[in-house]
Every structure is written in structure tokens, then in C-alpha cells.
Amino acid sequence: MREILTELDQWHAAGRPAALATVVNTRISAPRDPGAAMAVNADGIVVGSVSGGCVEGAVVEQAREVLDGGPARQVTYGVSDDEAMAVGLTCGGEISLFIEPFDIPEFDMVRDRIREGIPVAVATVVDGPGLVGSKLVVTEDAIYGDLGSEGLGVAVSSDARGLLAQGRTAHRGYGSNGERRVDDVTVFIQSFQPPPRMYVFGAIDFAAAVARIGKFLGYHVTVCDARRVFATKARFPEADEVVVQWPHRFLPTAPVDSRTALCVLTHDPKFDVPLLEVALATEAGYIGAMGSRRTHDDRMARLRELGVPEAQLARLRSPIGLDLGARTPEETAVSIAAEITQLRWGGSGRPLTDTEGRIHPDAGDEADEVTAGTASSQDAWAEGTLAAGA
């Protein structure tokens, strides 16, 4: 929903009715992750995407039925369905969507929290007797809405806060009064966390390209360099922040979590060795450093002299990026982004033509049915990245 928030806000302010379609579950090789959304208003204007074009036409028709007074409904398209083949879902996957009138409790508050990066979760009943479409909006200290049962509300709000703390989006099954391990009622819980952070150290031309691609990937990007003449907003217009400070002094003051990417592009020992000593002690999910293999060997020797443990040194991605044969700053930025993505999702980094089997892991196979929306993979690095809210 995050990606169509502006349009939803405009329609809401103007009192324009709309139907909202949200991906709530996927299996095998689905084109969009859970949380991806598309909306259709009463004028027939469509925003967003739920399948990259595969099933949008069919979803628009379902949305129009909802706009005409039809009930909210969950629909599923899969490669085995004649309708799915007819509308173009030929990727071999399965996608379930919930289509409903756009009506979120305390929408203004939800909108403001998403924009300001304050955590909020929206829980929607997508299947269950007499409850479909009911919603709860959950924050750290408040609950809005009603699921028709106090016990169900307590169970869902508890799970929503747990998922929100982890930056995860999921669907859960309950009994009608909130009983666990019962599937009478299915609830889709979408977490909206602040965007993950990317710190780019070294105000060079490569840093400008990395900042651009970081923004494209949805990161909150900070560029840091001690040289005031180079670290300027004019040179890094895409960055959210440009900080003039010694990197190793700045990083301990900056928020870093398991979703954070640290890109050290200084390739100067007086900058990068003190910085990496600090960086490798953080929980950042990605730490990469630019430089030749000679620079890398010298850097590792200096870090060992400082007493950095081998387990921490093993986290360092150096030389930074995947081997794409990159030459220009822009190509190098693609290489770095590719490595971040590969590490996030556990990919092999090999050409897909050289691999076999499924292109994407099946999120539906996970025991707790975490649906990997904004962000799931096999570890904490991935758990928050996309679940930052699609």
C-alpha cells in the first residue's frame, strides 16, 4: 500500500470511493510480494500493481464489482487455473489477493505514520464466517477497529505487535475467539516499518551512483565524508542526508540494524580502517568495502593488528560487489546492489540460465507462513527489508 499511498490519500480527502486489492499470499514463483497493492476508484482510475501486469485486468473487474456494492472477497490465481492462463499468469506461481472497499480505520493516522517512518500494522480478516473485511490498526501502544470478538482482537493485536517488532508481514489462522492453531479465521497482518538504511562512506563519483541506486531500491540513504568540499547536497541530490564528519565518529551515533547496508567506498586506510573496525562490530546486514585486492589484503592486516576478531572480518564483503565486469561508477553501483540483493535473498549469484528449479523460494512453505512481504529470507538481514511495507 505504501507505493500508492499518495493516490489513496487524495481519493480519501476528496471522498472518492475506491476498491483496494492487496496481495496476501504467494506460492512458488509469484510476480509480486505480499503487501503489493492496486486500487481502482469510482472514475475507473487504476494505480499500483499486484502482478506486474499478469492479472491486473481480471482484478480490475473484481474491484469494480466491489465498488458496485459487492462483498469483499479473496481471489486466487495460479498456473493451473484456466482463468489464470487466460489473463497471463504463466510464471508457474500462485497469487492470492484480497479485494475490498478502501476503508482503513484512522487512515489519516496510518498515512502519517507510514510517511514519517513510525511503525504501524494493519490487520485484515480475509477469510472467516461473518468477519471478512474487518480490520485492526495496531501501534506499539494503541489499537483501532473491531474484529467482532474480543478474544480475536487480543490475539491478532498481540501477533501484529510481534510481527511489527520484527518487520514482518504474515497471514495467520485463528479460531473465531482468537484460539491458536485453528484456521477458522485467516488474518493478513501487514507491517509498515521505516525504510531500511544505507550508509555510503566516501564522497566520490562511485558514491553518487550508489546513492542513486540505493534510493531506487527503497533505502533511506546517508552519504558521509569528512571533507566538507566534497560532501555537499549539490553533489548528492538523491541522498536523504549528507553528513560532514569523520566516518568512524559518525557511525556510532547513527541507527544501524540488521536491515542496514554499509558501503565503504573511501579505499583510504586513514578513513576505512577505523570505520570498518566500528562497522564490523555492528549488526548491519551488509558491510562492503571498495578497493583492489592489494588494498583488501593491507586493510585486513591492519584490522587484525587492531584485534578485530576473525568472525567479524568474515562478514566483510571486499572487494565490494559481484563480478559483473563493471567499469563505470554506474556499473559498479549495479554490482554493489546485486551483491546486496544476493545476500538478502540467499541467491547464488549465477546466471539463471545456469540454474535449475524454482527461481524464487516458496514463502508458503515456511512453518509460520511468514509471507516475506518488504522482507523475508533466511535470516534477520532479510526479515525487515521488504516488509518495510510494500
Foldseek 3Di string as FASTA:
>chain_A
DLVCLVVVVVCVVVVWKKKKKFWQFKFFFAQAFGQFIWMATPVGDIDTDDGVQQCVVVVSVVRVCQVVPDAWAKDKAACVDPVSVVSHVPQGMMIIMIMHIPDAPPSVVVSVCLVVQAKKKKKAWRAAPPQHGWIWIEHPPDIDTDRPEPQLVVLVNVVLVVLQVLQFWFKAAADSRRHHPHHRIIMTMAMAGGAAAEEEEDLDPLSLLLLVVCVVLPHQYEYEYQDPVRQDCVSRVSHNYGYRDQQLVPVVVDDAAQQYAYEAERLDCVRVLSNLLNVLPHNHNYAEYADDVVSVVVSVVVNVVVVRDPVSVVRYHPPAFDPPVDDDSNSRSVRNVVVLVCSQAVHPSDPPVPDDDTPHHTCCPDPRRGRAACFDHDDSNGRNRRSNGD
